[in-house]
Amino acid sequence: MTEQTAPFRDLTVDEIKRLVDEGRDVVDVREDWEWNKGHLPGARHVVLSSILANPTAQSFKDGTIFVCQVGERSAVASEMAVALGVKDVVNFRGGTKAWRDAGLPLEKP
């Protein structure tokens, strides 16, 4: 039996914090009202519905971290990015909630 691996990495808050500190591209896929409540420092906002509606119109760098509130919508975005040929895609398991719960700062627009 062969082991099935995910097409992207699922990382936790401590691992994400390190990558954010290193300057990785972060894409927040939440709705506008969620984004406006606070997002990871330096994140870009690309609503998941726009990725699903026109995935080829999006521009994602290799190594992009996708984030939402808890990690489910960002997993969908991560899958789409992999399908578009983006390499080393990261899903933030726990999302903005885990970031806030860890006492880390959020930016507001």
Protein backbone atom coordinates (compact mmCIF):
# COMPACT_ATOMS: atom_id res chain seq x y z
CA MET A 1 0.00 0.00 0.00
CA THR A 2 1.43 3.41 -0.95
CA GLU A 3 1.12 6.41 1.31
CA GLN A 4 -1.02 9.28 -0.05
CA THR A 5 0.43 12.72 0.55
CA ALA A 6 -1.41 16.02 0.39
CA PRO A 7 -0.56 18.32 -2.52
CA PHE A 8 0.21 21.10 -0.01
CA ARG A 9 1.54 21.41 3.53
CA ASP A 10 -0.80 22.00 6.49
CA LEU A 11 1.12 24.03 9.09
CA THR A 12 0.31 25.27 12.57
CA VAL A 13 0.59 28.75 14.06
CA ASP A 14 4.21 28.43 15.26
CA GLU A 15 5.38 27.24 11.84
CA ILE A 16 3.35 29.93 10.06
CA LYS A 17 4.73 32.66 12.34
CA ARG A 18 8.27 31.67 11.34
CA LEU A 19 7.41 31.76 7.62
CA VAL A 20 5.62 35.11 7.95
CA ASP A 21 8.69 36.50 9.74
CA GLU A 22 10.78 35.26 6.79
CA GLY A 23 8.59 37.29 4.42
CA ARG A 24 6.52 34.58 2.77
CA ASP A 25 3.57 35.69 0.64
CA VAL A 26 0.34 35.35 2.66
CA VAL A 27 -3.06 35.30 0.94
CA ASP A 28 -6.16 35.69 3.11
CA VAL A 29 -9.20 34.17 1.37
CA ARG A 30 -11.88 35.31 3.81
CA GLU A 31 -14.79 37.59 2.99
CA ASP A 32 -14.39 41.37 3.16
CA TRP A 33 -16.11 41.70 6.54
CA GLU A 34 -13.78 39.09 8.06
CA TRP A 35 -10.68 40.71 6.52
CA ASN A 36 -11.73 44.09 7.95
CA LYS A 37 -11.83 42.65 11.50
CA GLY A 38 -8.10 41.91 11.24
CA HIS A 39 -5.64 39.86 9.23
CA LEU A 40 -2.08 38.57 9.41
CA PRO A 41 0.56 41.30 9.01
CA GLY A 42 1.45 41.85 5.37
CA ALA A 43 -1.28 39.56 4.00
CA ARG A 44 -2.96 40.12 0.64
CA HIS A 45 -6.72 39.78 0.35
CA VAL A 46 -8.11 37.54 -2.40
CA VAL A 47 -11.62 36.27 -1.60
CA LEU A 48 -11.99 32.52 -2.19
CA SER A 49 -15.01 33.01 -4.45
CA SER A 50 -12.88 35.02 -6.87
CA ILE A 51 -10.27 32.26 -6.95
CA LEU A 52 -12.95 29.67 -7.68
CA ALA A 53 -14.67 31.85 -10.29
CA ASN A 54 -11.52 32.61 -12.29
CA PRO A 55 -8.48 30.74 -10.96
CA THR A 56 -6.22 31.58 -13.89
CA ALA A 57 -6.66 35.32 -13.25
CA GLN A 58 -4.89 34.94 -9.90
CA SER A 59 -1.18 35.35 -9.38
CA PHE A 60 0.35 33.26 -6.60
CA LYS A 61 4.04 32.84 -5.86
CA ASP A 62 5.68 29.53 -5.07
CA GLY A 63 5.63 29.15 -1.30
CA THR A 64 2.38 31.08 -0.79
CA ILE A 65 0.62 30.64 2.55
CA PHE A 66 -3.18 30.57 2.34
CA VAL A 67 -5.20 31.57 5.40
CA CYS A 68 -8.86 31.88 6.35
CA GLN A 69 -10.61 31.80 9.73
CA VAL A 70 -9.82 28.18 10.71
CA GLY A 71 -8.17 26.53 7.70
CA GLU A 72 -10.97 25.01 5.64
CA ARG A 73 -11.44 27.64 2.92
CA SER A 74 -7.69 28.15 2.74
CA ALA A 75 -7.31 24.41 2.08
CA VAL A 76 -9.59 24.82 -0.95
CA ALA A 77 -7.49 27.78 -2.14
CA SER A 78 -4.34 25.73 -1.55
CA GLU A 79 -5.69 22.94 -3.75
CA MET A 80 -6.53 25.45 -6.49
CA ALA A 81 -3.03 26.96 -6.33
CA VAL A 82 -1.44 23.52 -6.64
CA ALA A 83 -3.70 22.81 -9.65
CA LEU A 84 -2.39 26.06 -11.20
CA GLY A 85 1.18 24.83 -10.81
CA VAL A 86 2.19 26.78 -7.70
CA LYS A 87 4.87 24.90 -5.75
CA ASP A 88 5.47 24.61 -1.99
CA VAL A 89 1.90 25.72 -1.15
CA VAL A 90 1.10 26.07 2.55
CA ASN A 91 -2.31 25.97 4.24
CA PHE A 92 -2.53 27.63 7.66
CA ARG A 93 -4.32 25.00 9.74
CA GLY A 94 -6.07 26.92 12.52
CA GLY A 95 -6.11 30.15 10.54
CA THR A 96 -6.66 33.63 11.84
CA LYS A 97 -8.39 32.24 14.93
CA ALA A 98 -5.25 30.32 15.95
CA TRP A 99 -3.10 33.39 15.23
CA ARG A 100 -5.31 35.59 17.45
CA ASP A 101 -5.57 32.88 20.16
CA ALA A 102 -1.74 32.74 20.25
CA GLY A 103 -1.70 36.45 21.08
CA LEU A 104 -0.13 37.44 17.78
CA PRO A 105 -0.93 40.84 16.25
CA LEU A 106 -3.51 41.39 13.53
CA GLU A 107 -3.53 44.32 11.11
CA LYS A 108 -6.66 46.20 10.12
CA PRO A 109 -7.14 47.98 6.79
